[in-house]
Amino acid sequence: MNKSTKTIGAALMLAGMAFAMPAQSAERELSADQLNIIVADVDVEFSSRWISGVTRYSQDGSAKTELSIGVSDQGQWWLEGNQVCTQWSRLRRGRTTCVTILLDDNDTYRTSDGFSIRAL
C-alpha cells in the first residue's frame, strides 16, 4: 500500500468516503499532479443524502473526521494515482476506501462515490 503523504488539501475539498451518480454536465477528474499542488492541512465538508460531516486532512498523512451524527474517528489518507484513499480506525470497519475527485462545469466538487465536498 502506497501511503505517500503527498500534499492534497483544498481540492481534496475533498473527502475520502455511496454510489457514483451519473454526470449531468461535463466532469473532469482531478489528476495526481493537480491534487499535489493543493495545500494540505485543510478541513473538508462533505455531504450525501445519508450523512454529512467534516474531515481534517493533515500534511503528515493523518486524518480526523466528525460525522453530523456525533461520531468521530481518526485515520490516515494518501494518494494512489489519481485517487484519494482513506483508512479509519473504526469507520468502515477499518477497510481502505479510494475515490477520485471530480470537478464539473459549475465549479462543484464531488467524490466518485457521490459526496459533495468543499474546503472550509
N, C-alpha and C. Protein backbone atom coordinates (compact mmCIF):
# COMPACT_ATOMS: atom_id res chain seq x y z
N MET A 1 0.83 -1.17 0.00
CA MET A 1 0.00 0.00 0.00
C MET A 1 0.88 1.24 0.00
N ASN A 2 0.69 2.08 -0.97
CA ASN A 2 1.48 3.30 -1.08
C ASN A 2 0.87 4.38 -0.21
N LYS A 3 1.50 4.69 0.92
CA LYS A 3 0.97 5.69 1.83
C LYS A 3 1.74 6.98 1.71
N SER A 4 1.82 7.49 0.51
CA SER A 4 2.51 8.74 0.25
C SER A 4 1.81 9.88 0.95
N THR A 5 2.57 10.75 1.53
CA THR A 5 1.98 11.92 2.18
C THR A 5 2.05 13.13 1.27
N LYS A 6 1.84 12.88 -0.02
CA LYS A 6 1.82 13.98 -0.98
C LYS A 6 0.71 14.94 -0.58
N THR A 7 0.96 16.19 -0.81
CA THR A 7 0.00 17.21 -0.43
C THR A 7 -1.27 17.11 -1.23
N ILE A 8 -2.41 17.24 -0.54
CA ILE A 8 -3.66 17.12 -1.28
C ILE A 8 -4.73 18.11 -0.88
N GLY A 9 -4.95 18.66 0.08
CA GLY A 9 -5.89 19.55 0.68
C GLY A 9 -7.02 20.18 -0.09
N ALA A 10 -6.96 21.46 -0.34
CA ALA A 10 -8.12 22.24 -0.78
C ALA A 10 -8.97 21.63 -1.87
N ALA A 11 -8.42 21.01 -2.88
CA ALA A 11 -9.32 20.36 -3.84
C ALA A 11 -9.66 18.99 -3.34
N LEU A 12 -8.99 18.54 -2.37
CA LEU A 12 -9.42 17.35 -1.67
C LEU A 12 -10.55 17.90 -0.85
N MET A 13 -10.83 19.06 -1.28
CA MET A 13 -12.01 19.69 -0.71
C MET A 13 -12.87 18.51 -0.55
N LEU A 14 -12.25 17.85 -0.03
CA LEU A 14 -12.23 16.52 -0.57
C LEU A 14 -12.37 15.45 0.51
N ALA A 15 -13.15 14.68 0.48
CA ALA A 15 -13.32 13.70 1.49
C ALA A 15 -13.12 12.30 0.98
N GLY A 16 -12.51 11.46 1.88
CA GLY A 16 -12.44 10.08 1.50
C GLY A 16 -13.67 9.39 2.00
N MET A 17 -14.74 9.11 1.23
CA MET A 17 -15.89 8.46 1.69
C MET A 17 -16.34 7.46 0.67
N ALA A 18 -21.36 5.37 -1.31
CA ALA A 18 -22.26 5.57 -1.66
C ALA A 18 -22.15 5.37 -3.08
N PHE A 19 -22.55 5.81 -3.85
CA PHE A 19 -22.73 5.30 -5.17
C PHE A 19 -22.43 6.41 -6.17
N ALA A 20 -21.66 6.12 -7.20
CA ALA A 20 -21.36 7.15 -8.21
C ALA A 20 -22.65 7.52 -8.92
N MET A 21 -22.80 8.81 -9.12
CA MET A 21 -24.01 9.30 -9.76
C MET A 21 -23.68 9.73 -11.18
N PRO A 22 -24.61 9.55 -12.11
CA PRO A 22 -24.34 9.93 -13.49
C PRO A 22 -24.12 11.43 -13.62
N ALA A 23 -23.22 11.81 -14.47
CA ALA A 23 -22.88 13.22 -14.65
C ALA A 23 -23.98 13.93 -15.43
N GLN A 24 -24.36 15.11 -14.96
CA GLN A 24 -25.31 15.95 -15.66
C GLN A 24 -24.57 16.94 -16.56
N SER A 25 -23.35 17.23 -16.22
CA SER A 25 -22.54 18.15 -17.02
C SER A 25 -21.17 17.50 -17.21
N ALA A 26 -20.35 18.16 -17.99
CA ALA A 26 -19.02 17.62 -18.24
C ALA A 26 -18.21 17.67 -16.94
N GLU A 27 -17.75 16.52 -16.49
CA GLU A 27 -16.94 16.46 -15.28
C GLU A 27 -15.51 16.12 -15.65
N ARG A 28 -14.60 16.68 -14.86
CA ARG A 28 -13.18 16.39 -15.04
C ARG A 28 -12.66 15.76 -13.76
N GLU A 29 -11.93 14.68 -13.92
CA GLU A 29 -11.30 14.02 -12.78
C GLU A 29 -9.99 14.74 -12.49
N LEU A 30 -9.78 15.11 -11.24
CA LEU A 30 -8.52 15.76 -10.87
C LEU A 30 -7.39 14.74 -10.93
N SER A 31 -6.28 15.15 -11.48
CA SER A 31 -5.12 14.27 -11.61
C SER A 31 -4.27 14.32 -10.34
N ALA A 32 -3.37 13.38 -10.22
CA ALA A 32 -2.46 13.36 -9.07
C ALA A 32 -1.66 14.66 -9.03
N ASP A 33 -1.23 15.15 -10.19
CA ASP A 33 -0.49 16.42 -10.23
C ASP A 33 -1.33 17.56 -9.69
N GLN A 34 -2.60 17.62 -10.08
CA GLN A 34 -3.48 18.67 -9.57
C GLN A 34 -3.68 18.53 -8.06
N LEU A 35 -3.84 17.31 -7.61
CA LEU A 35 -4.03 17.09 -6.17
C LEU A 35 -2.77 17.46 -5.39
N ASN A 36 -1.60 17.23 -5.97
CA ASN A 36 -0.34 17.54 -5.29
C ASN A 36 -0.10 19.03 -5.13
N ILE A 37 -0.67 19.83 -6.03
CA ILE A 37 -0.48 21.28 -5.98
C ILE A 37 -1.22 21.90 -4.80
N ILE A 38 -2.28 21.27 -4.41
CA ILE A 38 -3.15 21.83 -3.38
C ILE A 38 -2.53 21.66 -2.00
N VAL A 39 -2.74 22.64 -1.18
CA VAL A 39 -2.15 22.65 0.16
C VAL A 39 -2.90 21.72 1.10
N ALA A 40 -2.18 20.93 1.88
CA ALA A 40 -2.80 20.05 2.88
C ALA A 40 -3.15 20.87 4.10
N ASP A 41 -3.49 20.20 5.16
CA ASP A 41 -3.93 20.84 6.39
C ASP A 41 -5.18 21.67 6.12
N VAL A 42 -6.17 21.01 5.59
CA VAL A 42 -7.43 21.67 5.26
C VAL A 42 -8.60 20.87 5.84
N ASP A 43 -9.64 21.59 6.22
CA ASP A 43 -10.89 20.96 6.65
C ASP A 43 -11.80 20.87 5.44
N VAL A 44 -12.39 19.70 5.23
CA VAL A 44 -13.27 19.48 4.10
C VAL A 44 -14.65 19.09 4.61
N GLU A 45 -15.65 19.82 4.16
CA GLU A 45 -17.03 19.49 4.50
C GLU A 45 -17.55 18.55 3.42
N PHE A 46 -18.24 17.48 3.83
CA PHE A 46 -18.78 16.53 2.87
C PHE A 46 -20.24 16.26 3.20
N SER A 47 -21.01 15.92 2.17
CA SER A 47 -22.41 15.58 2.40
C SER A 47 -22.92 14.68 1.29
N SER A 48 -23.88 13.85 1.66
CA SER A 48 -24.59 12.99 0.73
C SER A 48 -26.05 12.97 1.20
N ARG A 49 -26.86 12.16 0.57
CA ARG A 49 -28.26 12.03 1.02
C ARG A 49 -28.33 11.45 2.42
N TRP A 50 -27.32 10.69 2.83
CA TRP A 50 -27.42 9.92 4.07
C TRP A 50 -26.61 10.49 5.23
N ILE A 51 -25.54 11.21 4.95
CA ILE A 51 -24.65 11.63 6.04
C ILE A 51 -23.87 12.88 5.62
N SER A 52 -23.42 13.61 6.61
CA SER A 52 -22.56 14.77 6.35
C SER A 52 -21.56 14.89 7.49
N GLY A 53 -20.58 15.75 7.31
CA GLY A 53 -19.58 15.95 8.35
C GLY A 53 -18.41 16.76 7.83
N VAL A 54 -17.34 16.74 8.61
CA VAL A 54 -16.12 17.46 8.28
C VAL A 54 -14.93 16.54 8.53
N THR A 55 -14.00 16.54 7.59
CA THR A 55 -12.76 15.78 7.75
C THR A 55 -11.58 16.73 7.66
N ARG A 56 -10.61 16.55 8.54
CA ARG A 56 -9.37 17.32 8.55
C ARG A 56 -8.28 16.43 7.97
N TYR A 57 -7.67 16.87 6.85
CA TYR A 57 -6.58 16.15 6.21
C TYR A 57 -5.28 16.86 6.56
N SER A 58 -4.39 16.20 7.27
CA SER A 58 -3.11 16.80 7.67
C SER A 58 -2.01 16.39 6.71
N GLN A 59 -1.03 17.27 6.57
CA GLN A 59 0.06 17.05 5.64
C GLN A 59 0.86 15.79 5.98
N ASP A 60 0.86 15.39 7.24
CA ASP A 60 1.62 14.19 7.64
C ASP A 60 0.91 12.89 7.29
N GLY A 61 -0.27 12.98 6.63
CA GLY A 61 -1.00 11.77 6.24
C GLY A 61 -2.05 11.34 7.24
N SER A 62 -2.17 12.04 8.35
CA SER A 62 -3.22 11.69 9.31
C SER A 62 -4.51 12.41 8.94
N ALA A 63 -5.62 11.89 9.43
CA ALA A 63 -6.92 12.49 9.15
C ALA A 63 -7.83 12.28 10.36
N LYS A 64 -8.75 13.22 10.54
CA LYS A 64 -9.74 13.11 11.60
C LYS A 64 -11.08 13.51 11.01
N THR A 65 -12.12 12.72 11.26
CA THR A 65 -13.43 13.03 10.73
C THR A 65 -14.45 13.12 11.86
N GLU A 66 -15.41 14.00 11.68
CA GLU A 66 -16.51 14.20 12.63
C GLU A 66 -17.79 14.16 11.82
N LEU A 67 -18.60 13.12 12.05
CA LEU A 67 -19.87 12.99 11.34
C LEU A 67 -20.94 13.82 12.02
N SER A 68 -21.94 14.24 11.26
CA SER A 68 -23.02 15.07 11.80
C SER A 68 -23.82 14.35 12.88
N ILE A 69 -23.73 13.05 12.96
CA ILE A 69 -24.47 12.29 13.97
C ILE A 69 -23.67 12.16 15.27
N GLY A 70 -22.56 12.89 15.36
CA GLY A 70 -21.78 12.90 16.60
C GLY A 70 -20.70 11.83 16.71
N VAL A 71 -20.47 11.08 15.67
CA VAL A 71 -19.44 10.04 15.66
C VAL A 71 -18.17 10.64 15.07
N SER A 72 -17.03 10.35 15.69
CA SER A 72 -15.75 10.82 15.15
C SER A 72 -14.78 9.64 15.08
N ASP A 73 -13.75 9.81 14.26
CA ASP A 73 -12.74 8.77 14.12
C ASP A 73 -11.46 9.40 13.59
N GLN A 74 -10.37 8.69 13.79
CA GLN A 74 -9.07 9.11 13.28
C GLN A 74 -8.55 8.03 12.35
N GLY A 75 -7.75 8.46 11.38
CA GLY A 75 -7.20 7.51 10.43
C GLY A 75 -6.08 8.11 9.63
N GLN A 76 -5.92 7.60 8.41
CA GLN A 76 -4.86 8.04 7.52
C GLN A 76 -5.42 8.29 6.13
N TRP A 77 -4.73 9.15 5.37
CA TRP A 77 -5.07 9.37 3.97
C TRP A 77 -3.79 9.37 3.16
N TRP A 78 -3.92 9.05 1.86
CA TRP A 78 -2.79 9.06 0.96
C TRP A 78 -3.32 9.06 -0.48
N LEU A 79 -2.44 9.29 -1.43
CA LEU A 79 -2.80 9.25 -2.84
C LEU A 79 -2.33 7.94 -3.45
N GLU A 80 -3.16 7.36 -4.30
CA GLU A 80 -2.80 6.22 -5.14
C GLU A 80 -3.19 6.61 -6.55
N GLY A 81 -2.22 7.03 -7.34
CA GLY A 81 -2.53 7.54 -8.68
C GLY A 81 -3.40 8.78 -8.55
N ASN A 82 -4.54 8.78 -9.22
CA ASN A 82 -5.46 9.92 -9.18
C ASN A 82 -6.54 9.74 -8.12
N GLN A 83 -6.33 8.85 -7.18
CA GLN A 83 -7.33 8.59 -6.15
C GLN A 83 -6.84 9.02 -4.78
N VAL A 84 -7.79 9.48 -3.97
CA VAL A 84 -7.54 9.79 -2.57
C VAL A 84 -8.04 8.60 -1.77
N CYS A 85 -7.17 8.05 -0.95
CA CYS A 85 -7.54 6.88 -0.15
C CYS A 85 -7.57 7.24 1.33
N THR A 86 -8.49 6.62 2.05
CA THR A 86 -8.57 6.79 3.50
C THR A 86 -8.76 5.44 4.16
N GLN A 87 -8.27 5.36 5.38
CA GLN A 87 -8.49 4.19 6.22
C GLN A 87 -8.71 4.71 7.63
N TRP A 88 -9.87 4.39 8.19
CA TRP A 88 -10.25 4.85 9.53
C TRP A 88 -10.05 3.75 10.55
N SER A 89 -9.90 4.13 11.79
CA SER A 89 -9.71 3.15 12.86
C SER A 89 -10.96 2.29 13.05
N ARG A 90 -12.13 2.93 13.07
CA ARG A 90 -13.38 2.20 13.31
C ARG A 90 -14.36 2.28 12.14
N LEU A 91 -14.48 3.45 11.53
CA LEU A 91 -15.43 3.61 10.44
C LEU A 91 -15.11 2.65 9.30
N ARG A 92 -16.13 2.17 8.65
CA ARG A 92 -15.99 1.20 7.56
C ARG A 92 -15.21 -0.04 7.98
N ARG A 93 -15.25 -0.31 9.29
CA ARG A 93 -14.55 -1.48 9.85
C ARG A 93 -13.06 -1.51 9.51
N GLY A 94 -12.49 -0.30 9.33
CA GLY A 94 -11.06 -0.20 9.06
C GLY A 94 -10.65 -0.49 7.63
N ARG A 95 -11.63 -0.72 6.75
CA ARG A 95 -11.31 -1.01 5.34
C ARG A 95 -10.84 0.25 4.63
N THR A 96 -9.91 0.09 3.70
CA THR A 96 -9.43 1.19 2.87
C THR A 96 -10.47 1.52 1.80
N THR A 97 -10.69 2.82 1.59
CA THR A 97 -11.58 3.29 0.53
C THR A 97 -10.82 4.33 -0.29
N CYS A 98 -10.90 4.22 -1.61
CA CYS A 98 -10.26 5.18 -2.51
C CYS A 98 -11.31 5.78 -3.44
N VAL A 99 -11.22 7.10 -3.65
CA VAL A 99 -12.16 7.81 -4.53
C VAL A 99 -11.40 8.76 -5.44
N THR A 100 -12.01 9.09 -6.56
CA THR A 100 -11.49 10.16 -7.39
C THR A 100 -12.27 11.42 -7.05
N ILE A 101 -11.66 12.57 -7.31
CA ILE A 101 -12.31 13.86 -7.08
C ILE A 101 -12.68 14.42 -8.44
N LEU A 102 -13.95 14.80 -8.59
CA LEU A 102 -14.47 15.29 -9.86
C LEU A 102 -14.86 16.75 -9.73
N LEU A 103 -14.61 17.51 -10.79
CA LEU A 103 -14.98 18.92 -10.86
C LEU A 103 -15.85 19.10 -12.08
N ASP A 104 -17.04 19.71 -11.90
CA ASP A 104 -17.91 19.92 -13.05
C ASP A 104 -17.82 21.35 -13.58
N ASP A 105 -18.58 21.64 -14.61
CA ASP A 105 -18.55 22.96 -15.24
C ASP A 105 -19.02 24.08 -14.32
N ASN A 106 -19.71 23.73 -13.25
CA ASN A 106 -20.21 24.73 -12.29
C ASN A 106 -19.26 24.91 -11.12
N ASP A 107 -18.01 24.44 -11.26
CA ASP A 107 -17.01 24.51 -10.19
C ASP A 107 -17.48 23.82 -8.91
N THR A 108 -18.22 22.74 -9.08
CA THR A 108 -18.70 21.94 -7.95
C THR A 108 -17.85 20.68 -7.87
N TYR A 109 -17.34 20.40 -6.68
CA TYR A 109 -16.53 19.21 -6.46
C TYR A 109 -17.37 18.10 -5.85
N ARG A 110 -17.09 16.88 -6.26
CA ARG A 110 -17.72 15.71 -5.63
C ARG A 110 -16.76 14.54 -5.73
N THR A 111 -17.02 13.54 -4.92
CA THR A 111 -16.20 12.34 -4.96
C THR A 111 -16.88 11.31 -5.86
N SER A 112 -16.12 10.35 -6.34
CA SER A 112 -16.67 9.33 -7.23
C SER A 112 -17.69 8.44 -6.54
N ASP A 113 -17.78 8.51 -5.21
CA ASP A 113 -18.80 7.73 -4.51
C ASP A 113 -20.00 8.58 -4.08
N GLY A 114 -20.14 9.76 -4.70
CA GLY A 114 -21.37 10.53 -4.55
C GLY A 114 -21.41 11.61 -3.50
N PHE A 115 -20.32 11.95 -2.85
CA PHE A 115 -20.32 13.00 -1.86
C PHE A 115 -20.02 14.36 -2.49
N SER A 116 -20.77 15.39 -2.11
CA SER A 116 -20.42 16.76 -2.45
C SER A 116 -19.39 17.21 -1.43
N ILE A 117 -18.38 17.95 -1.89
CA ILE A 117 -17.32 18.36 -0.97
C ILE A 117 -16.93 19.80 -1.22
N ARG A 118 -16.42 20.45 -0.16
CA ARG A 118 -15.89 21.81 -0.29
C ARG A 118 -14.94 22.07 0.87
N ALA A 119 -13.91 22.85 0.57
CA ALA A 119 -12.94 23.23 1.62
C ALA A 119 -13.55 24.30 2.49
N LEU A 120 -13.25 24.23 3.77
CA LEU A 120 -13.74 25.25 4.72
C LEU A 120 -12.69 26.30 4.95
